[in-house]
C-alpha atoms as a PDB file:
ATOM      1  CA  UNK A   1    -254.815   9.718  77.462  1.00  0.00           C
ATOM      2  CA  UNK A   2    -252.611  12.580  76.683  1.00  0.00           C
ATOM      3  CA  UNK A   3    -249.672  10.696  78.040  1.00  0.00           C
ATOM      4  CA  UNK A   4    -250.364   7.634  75.862  1.00  0.00           C
ATOM      5  CA  UNK A   5    -250.650   9.857  72.783  1.00  0.00           C
ATOM      6  CA  UNK A   6    -247.351  11.550  73.603  1.00  0.00           C
ATOM      7  CA  UNK A   7    -245.718   8.154  74.179  1.00  0.00           C
ATOM      8  CA  UNK A   8    -247.017   6.964  70.808  1.00  0.00           C
ATOM      9  CA  UNK A   9    -245.590  10.013  69.039  1.00  0.00           C
ATOM     10  CA  UNK A  10    -242.266   9.546  70.856  1.00  0.00           C
ATOM     11  CA  UNK A  11    -242.129   5.909  69.717  1.00  0.00           C
ATOM     12  CA  UNK A  12    -242.988   6.911  66.151  1.00  0.00           C
ATOM     13  CA  UNK A  13    -240.222   9.542  66.142  1.00  0.00           C
ATOM     14  CA  UNK A  14    -237.713   7.052  67.585  1.00  0.00           C
ATOM     15  CA  UNK A  15    -238.728   4.406  65.036  1.00  0.00           C
ATOM     16  CA  UNK A  16    -238.384   6.950  62.215  1.00  0.00           C
ATOM     17  CA  UNK A  17    -234.945   8.061  63.508  1.00  0.00           C
ATOM     18  CA  UNK A  18    -233.791   4.437  63.836  1.00  0.00           C
ATOM     19  CA  UNK A  19    -234.927   3.673  60.294  1.00  0.00           C
ATOM     20  CA  UNK A  20    -232.815   6.589  58.976  1.00  0.00           C
ATOM     21  CA  UNK A  21    -229.590   5.131  60.465  1.00  0.00           C
ATOM     22  CA  UNK A  22    -227.887   2.168  58.908  1.00  0.00           C
ATOM     23  CA  UNK A  23    -228.083  -1.041  60.721  1.00  0.00           C
ATOM     24  CA  UNK A  24    -224.943  -3.054  61.218  1.00  0.00           C
ATOM     25  CA  UNK A  25    -226.177  -5.552  58.647  1.00  0.00           C
ATOM     26  CA  UNK A  26    -226.737  -2.777  56.072  1.00  0.00           C
ATOM     27  CA  UNK A  27    -223.275  -1.327  56.671  1.00  0.00           C
ATOM     28  CA  UNK A  28    -221.446  -4.641  56.141  1.00  0.00           C
ATOM     29  CA  UNK A  29    -223.635  -5.518  53.184  1.00  0.00           C
ATOM     30  CA  UNK A  30    -222.764  -2.221  51.496  1.00  0.00           C
ATOM     31  CA  UNK A  31    -219.060  -2.690  52.318  1.00  0.00           C
ATOM     32  CA  UNK A  32    -219.073  -6.204  50.849  1.00  0.00           C
ATOM     33  CA  UNK A  33    -220.721  -5.084  47.621  1.00  0.00           C
ATOM     34  CA  UNK A  34    -218.305  -2.133  47.364  1.00  0.00           C
ATOM     35  CA  UNK A  35    -215.381  -4.556  47.738  1.00  0.00           C
ATOM     36  CA  UNK A  36    -216.751  -6.846  45.039  1.00  0.00           C
ATOM     37  CA  UNK A  37    -217.314  -3.851  42.730  1.00  0.00           C
ATOM     38  CA  UNK A  38    -213.729  -2.669  43.327  1.00  0.00           C
ATOM     39  CA  UNK A  39    -212.241  -6.074  42.496  1.00  0.00           C
ATOM     40  CA  UNK A  40    -214.355  -6.431  39.345  1.00  0.00           C
ATOM     41  CA  UNK A  41    -213.521  -2.870  38.264  1.00  0.00           C
ATOM     42  CA  UNK A  42    -209.807  -3.506  38.768  1.00  0.00           C
ATOM     43  CA  UNK A  43    -210.022  -6.720  36.736  1.00  0.00           C
ATOM     44  CA  UNK A  44    -211.853  -4.889  33.950  1.00  0.00           C
ATOM     45  CA  UNK A  45    -209.220  -2.135  33.933  1.00  0.00           C
ATOM     46  CA  UNK A  46    -206.427  -4.722  33.751  1.00  0.00           C
ATOM     47  CA  UNK A  47    -208.187  -6.440  30.841  1.00  0.00           C
ATOM     48  CA  UNK A  48    -208.618  -3.173  28.936  1.00  0.00           C
ATOM     49  CA  UNK A  49    -204.925  -2.282  29.481  1.00  0.00           C
ATOM     50  CA  UNK A  50    -203.983  -5.739  28.232  1.00  0.00           C
ATOM     51  CA  UNK A  51    -205.725  -4.955  24.950  1.00  0.00           C
ATOM     52  CA  UNK A  52    -203.460  -1.894  24.439  1.00  0.00           C
ATOM     53  CA  UNK A  53    -199.909  -3.055  25.244  1.00  0.00           C
ATOM     54  CA  UNK A  54    -197.132  -0.604  25.993  1.00  0.00           C
ATOM     55  CA  UNK A  55    -194.927  -0.555  22.933  1.00  0.00           C
ATOM     56  CA  UNK A  56    -191.821   1.454  22.240  1.00  0.00           C
ATOM     57  CA  UNK A  57    -191.932   2.504  18.605  1.00  0.00           C
ATOM     58  CA  UNK A  58    -188.406   2.734  17.252  1.00  0.00           C
ATOM     59  CA  UNK A  59    -187.224   3.134  13.682  1.00  0.00           C
ATOM     60  CA  UNK A  60    -186.336  -0.103  11.893  1.00  0.00           C
ATOM     61  CA  UNK A  61    -182.823  -1.435  12.349  1.00  0.00           C
ATOM     62  CA  UNK A  62    -182.389  -1.960   8.581  1.00  0.00           C
ATOM     63  CA  UNK A  63    -183.261   0.841   6.187  1.00  0.00           C
ATOM     64  CA  UNK A  64    -182.537   1.962   2.627  1.00  0.00           C
ATOM     65  CA  UNK A  65    -180.528   5.174   2.311  1.00  0.00           C
ATOM     66  CA  UNK A  66    -180.653   5.974  -1.414  1.00  0.00           C
ATOM     67  CA  UNK A  67    -178.035   5.321  -4.042  1.00  0.00           C
ATOM     68  CA  UNK A  68    -174.295   5.881  -3.567  1.00  0.00           C
ATOM     69  CA  UNK A  69    -174.363   8.685  -6.144  1.00  0.00           C
ATOM     70  CA  UNK A  70    -176.588  10.708  -3.769  1.00  0.00           C
ATOM     71  CA  UNK A  71    -173.564  11.276  -1.507  1.00  0.00           C
ATOM     72  CA  UNK A  72    -170.701  13.601  -2.385  1.00  0.00           C
ATOM     73  CA  UNK A  73    -167.094  12.499  -1.901  1.00  0.00           C
ATOM     74  CA  UNK A  74    -165.582  13.999   1.239  1.00  0.00           C
ATOM     75  CA  UNK A  75    -168.958  15.054   2.656  1.00  0.00           C
ATOM     76  CA  UNK A  76    -170.868  13.933   5.759  1.00  0.00           C
ATOM     77  CA  UNK A  77    -174.572  13.423   5.172  1.00  0.00           C
ATOM     78  CA  UNK A  78    -176.684  14.411   8.170  1.00  0.00           C
ATOM     79  CA  UNK A  79    -179.920  13.390   6.439  1.00  0.00           C
ATOM     80  CA  UNK A  80    -180.570  10.430   8.767  1.00  0.00           C
ATOM     81  CA  UNK A  81    -179.201  11.944  11.980  1.00  0.00           C
ATOM     82  CA  UNK A  82    -182.611  12.587  13.612  1.00  0.00           C
ATOM     83  CA  UNK A  83    -184.569   9.599  12.310  1.00  0.00           C
ATOM     84  CA  UNK A  84    -181.938   6.864  12.503  1.00  0.00           C
ATOM     85  CA  UNK A  85    -179.070   8.457  14.486  1.00  0.00           C
ATOM     86  CA  UNK A  86    -176.475   7.769  11.793  1.00  0.00           C
ATOM     87  CA  UNK A  87    -174.220   9.752   9.479  1.00  0.00           C
ATOM     88  CA  UNK A  88    -173.332   8.509   6.025  1.00  0.00           C
ATOM     89  CA  UNK A  89    -169.842   9.449   4.844  1.00  0.00           C
ATOM     90  CA  UNK A  90    -168.465   8.972   1.359  1.00  0.00           C
ATOM     91  CA  UNK A  91    -164.776   8.899   0.596  1.00  0.00           C
ATOM     92  CA  UNK A  92    -162.995   8.185  -2.676  1.00  0.00           C
ATOM     93  CA  UNK A  93    -162.515   4.532  -1.744  1.00  0.00           C
ATOM     94  CA  UNK A  94    -166.000   3.868  -0.346  1.00  0.00           C
ATOM     95  CA  UNK A  95    -168.874   4.650   1.978  1.00  0.00           C
ATOM     96  CA  UNK A  96    -169.188   4.017   5.707  1.00  0.00           C
ATOM     97  CA  UNK A  97    -171.878   4.753   8.263  1.00  0.00           C
ATOM     98  CA  UNK A  98    -171.186   6.057  11.769  1.00  0.00           C
ATOM     99  CA  UNK A  99    -173.640   5.828  14.674  1.00  0.00           C
ATOM    100  CA  UNK A 100    -174.519   9.290  15.969  1.00  0.00           C
ATOM    101  CA  UNK A 101    -174.143   8.162  19.579  1.00  0.00           C
ATOM    102  CA  UNK A 102    -171.265   9.491  21.667  1.00  0.00           C
ATOM    103  CA  UNK A 103    -169.251   6.718  23.288  1.00  0.00           C
ATOM    104  CA  UNK A 104    -169.053   8.686  26.540  1.00  0.00           C
ATOM    105  CA  UNK A 105    -172.681   8.944  27.717  1.00  0.00           C
ATOM    106  CA  UNK A 106    -174.776   8.366  24.588  1.00  0.00           C
ATOM    107  CA  UNK A 107    -175.499  11.968  23.595  1.00  0.00           C
ATOM    108  CA  UNK A 108    -175.915  12.860  19.924  1.00  0.00           C
ATOM    109  CA  UNK A 109    -172.837  14.723  18.612  1.00  0.00           C
ATOM    110  CA  UNK A 110    -173.122  17.405  15.922  1.00  0.00           C
ATOM    111  CA  UNK A 111    -171.209  17.611  12.662  1.00  0.00           C
ATOM    112  CA  UNK A 112    -169.226  20.857  12.481  1.00  0.00           C
ATOM    113  CA  UNK A 113    -168.424  21.352   8.762  1.00  0.00           C
ATOM    114  CA  UNK A 114    -165.845  24.137   9.153  1.00  0.00           C
ATOM    115  CA  UNK A 115    -163.835  22.000  11.627  1.00  0.00           C
ATOM    116  CA  UNK A 116    -164.460  18.772   9.683  1.00  0.00           C
ATOM    117  CA  UNK A 117    -165.228  17.083  13.010  1.00  0.00           C
ATOM    118  CA  UNK A 118    -168.038  15.776  15.183  1.00  0.00           C
ATOM    119  CA  UNK A 119    -168.487  17.571  18.499  1.00  0.00           C
ATOM    120  CA  UNK A 120    -170.555  16.259  21.412  1.00  0.00           C
ATOM    121  CA  UNK A 121    -172.573  19.046  23.081  1.00  0.00           C
ATOM    122  CA  UNK A 122    -172.838  17.227  26.431  1.00  0.00           C
ATOM    123  CA  UNK A 123    -169.222  17.006  27.580  1.00  0.00           C
ATOM    124  CA  UNK A 124    -167.146  18.287  24.671  1.00  0.00           C
ATOM    125  CA  UNK A 125    -165.836  15.083  23.110  1.00  0.00           C
ATOM    126  CA  UNK A 126    -164.438  15.627  19.633  1.00  0.00           C
ATOM    127  CA  UNK A 127    -164.226  13.083  16.798  1.00  0.00           C
ATOM    128  CA  UNK A 128    -162.575  13.245  13.384  1.00  0.00           C
ATOM    129  CA  UNK A 129    -164.542  12.452  10.237  1.00  0.00           C
ATOM    130  CA  UNK A 130    -163.612   8.763  10.467  1.00  0.00           C
ATOM    131  CA  UNK A 131    -164.985   8.623  14.038  1.00  0.00           C
ATOM    132  CA  UNK A 132    -161.643   8.628  15.867  1.00  0.00           C
ATOM    133  CA  UNK A 133    -161.806  10.563  19.134  1.00  0.00           C
ATOM    134  CA  UNK A 134    -159.247  13.321  19.643  1.00  0.00           C
ATOM    135  CA  UNK A 135    -160.518  15.216  22.698  1.00  0.00           C
ATOM    136  CA  UNK A 136    -162.846  15.010  25.641  1.00  0.00           C
ATOM    137  CA  UNK A 137    -163.932  12.222  27.938  1.00  0.00           C
ATOM    138  CA  UNK A 138    -165.092   9.784  25.231  1.00  0.00           C
ATOM    139  CA  UNK A 139    -163.175   6.559  25.883  1.00  0.00           C
ATOM    140  CA  UNK A 140    -163.141   5.289  22.290  1.00  0.00           C
ATOM    141  CA  UNK A 141    -164.023   6.213  18.687  1.00  0.00           C
ATOM    142  CA  UNK A 142    -167.582   6.371  17.371  1.00  0.00           C
ATOM    143  CA  UNK A 143    -169.064   3.036  16.318  1.00  0.00           C
ATOM    144  CA  UNK A 144    -169.743   2.083  12.715  1.00  0.00           C
ATOM    145  CA  UNK A 145    -172.600  -0.007  11.358  1.00  0.00           C
ATOM    146  CA  UNK A 146    -172.873  -2.362   8.408  1.00  0.00           C
ATOM    147  CA  UNK A 147    -173.589  -0.856   5.005  1.00  0.00           C
ATOM    148  CA  UNK A 148    -174.145  -2.816   1.792  1.00  0.00           C
ATOM    149  CA  UNK A 149    -175.918  -2.593  -1.547  1.00  0.00           C
ATOM    150  CA  UNK A 150    -179.323  -4.170  -2.105  1.00  0.00           C
ATOM    151  CA  UNK A 151    -180.530  -5.730  -5.406  1.00  0.00           C
ATOM    152  CA  UNK A 152    -181.518  -2.315  -6.828  1.00  0.00           C
ATOM    153  CA  UNK A 153    -178.086  -0.812  -6.104  1.00  0.00           C
ATOM    154  CA  UNK A 154    -179.317   1.251  -3.136  1.00  0.00           C
ATOM    155  CA  UNK A 155    -177.455   1.588   0.143  1.00  0.00           C
ATOM    156  CA  UNK A 156    -178.761  -0.776   2.814  1.00  0.00           C
ATOM    157  CA  UNK A 157    -177.811   0.280   6.357  1.00  0.00           C
ATOM    158  CA  UNK A 158    -178.081  -2.396   9.059  1.00  0.00           C
ATOM    159  CA  UNK A 159    -177.822  -0.907  12.559  1.00  0.00           C
ATOM    160  CA  UNK A 160    -178.126  -4.335  14.170  1.00  0.00           C
ATOM    161  CA  UNK A 161    -174.521  -5.063  13.122  1.00  0.00           C
ATOM    162  CA  UNK A 162    -172.321  -2.621  15.031  1.00  0.00           C
ATOM    163  CA  UNK A 163    -168.556  -2.430  14.659  1.00  0.00           C
ATOM    164  CA  UNK A 164    -167.296  -1.282  18.055  1.00  0.00           C
ATOM    165  CA  UNK A 165    -164.109   0.667  17.510  1.00  0.00           C
ATOM    166  CA  UNK A 166    -161.138   0.383  19.851  1.00  0.00           C
ATOM    167  CA  UNK A 167    -158.944   3.382  20.666  1.00  0.00           C
ATOM    168  CA  UNK A 168    -155.515   3.757  19.142  1.00  0.00           C
ATOM    169  CA  UNK A 169    -156.202   1.686  16.025  1.00  0.00           C
ATOM    170  CA  UNK A 170    -157.224   3.104  12.652  1.00  0.00           C
ATOM    171  CA  UNK A 171    -160.936   2.300  12.148  1.00  0.00           C
ATOM    172  CA  UNK A 172    -160.299   1.181   8.571  1.00  0.00           C
ATOM    173  CA  UNK A 173    -157.784  -1.402   9.799  1.00  0.00           C
ATOM    174  CA  UNK A 174    -159.993  -2.690  12.642  1.00  0.00           C
ATOM    175  CA  UNK A 175    -163.024  -3.515  10.546  1.00  0.00           C
ATOM    176  CA  UNK A 176    -162.347  -3.330   6.801  1.00  0.00           C
ATOM    177  CA  UNK A 177    -165.863  -4.738   6.258  1.00  0.00           C
ATOM    178  CA  UNK A 178    -167.333  -1.559   7.794  1.00  0.00           C
ATOM    179  CA  UNK A 179    -166.553   0.254   4.511  1.00  0.00           C
ATOM    180  CA  UNK A 180    -168.548  -0.396   1.359  1.00  0.00           C
ATOM    181  CA  UNK A 181    -165.955  -0.265  -1.431  1.00  0.00           C
ATOM    182  CA  UNK A 182    -167.336   1.353  -4.558  1.00  0.00           C
END
């Protein structure tokens, strides 16, 4: 009888050990449900990302820049250099706006008041007050953008209309419409 009792306990232990292991059916069932959960989770993530699109927030292409009397004759206004990447320059015969983007590699030049010139910190290109390049690797003068007056008499700068300057020609002669005559 002792042997039958020991055989019974051995069978009970083996049955208990077998019940602790996963069966093949349990393993594939778990794997299938994990796959379904992964697909549904990925779809949910894609849906949530769709609700929050990737948007590049840039300043508006058209903006108001105050009245012409805000700008001194012979001075370069750097007020909009960081926000809009433009300089507003007033001369005796009018106002023009230059894009603050170097024509070499797109860096932002700096206005050097004591030299009365723009100087690019990246590769050393130099530009006169009218945007004409005089030194460095920049292939052409700085570009100008459209400037006009709105109904209230304020300056309206439109960066969507760019006057691309060609080298060797006076910028005033290339695009006379790039200057707002006042």
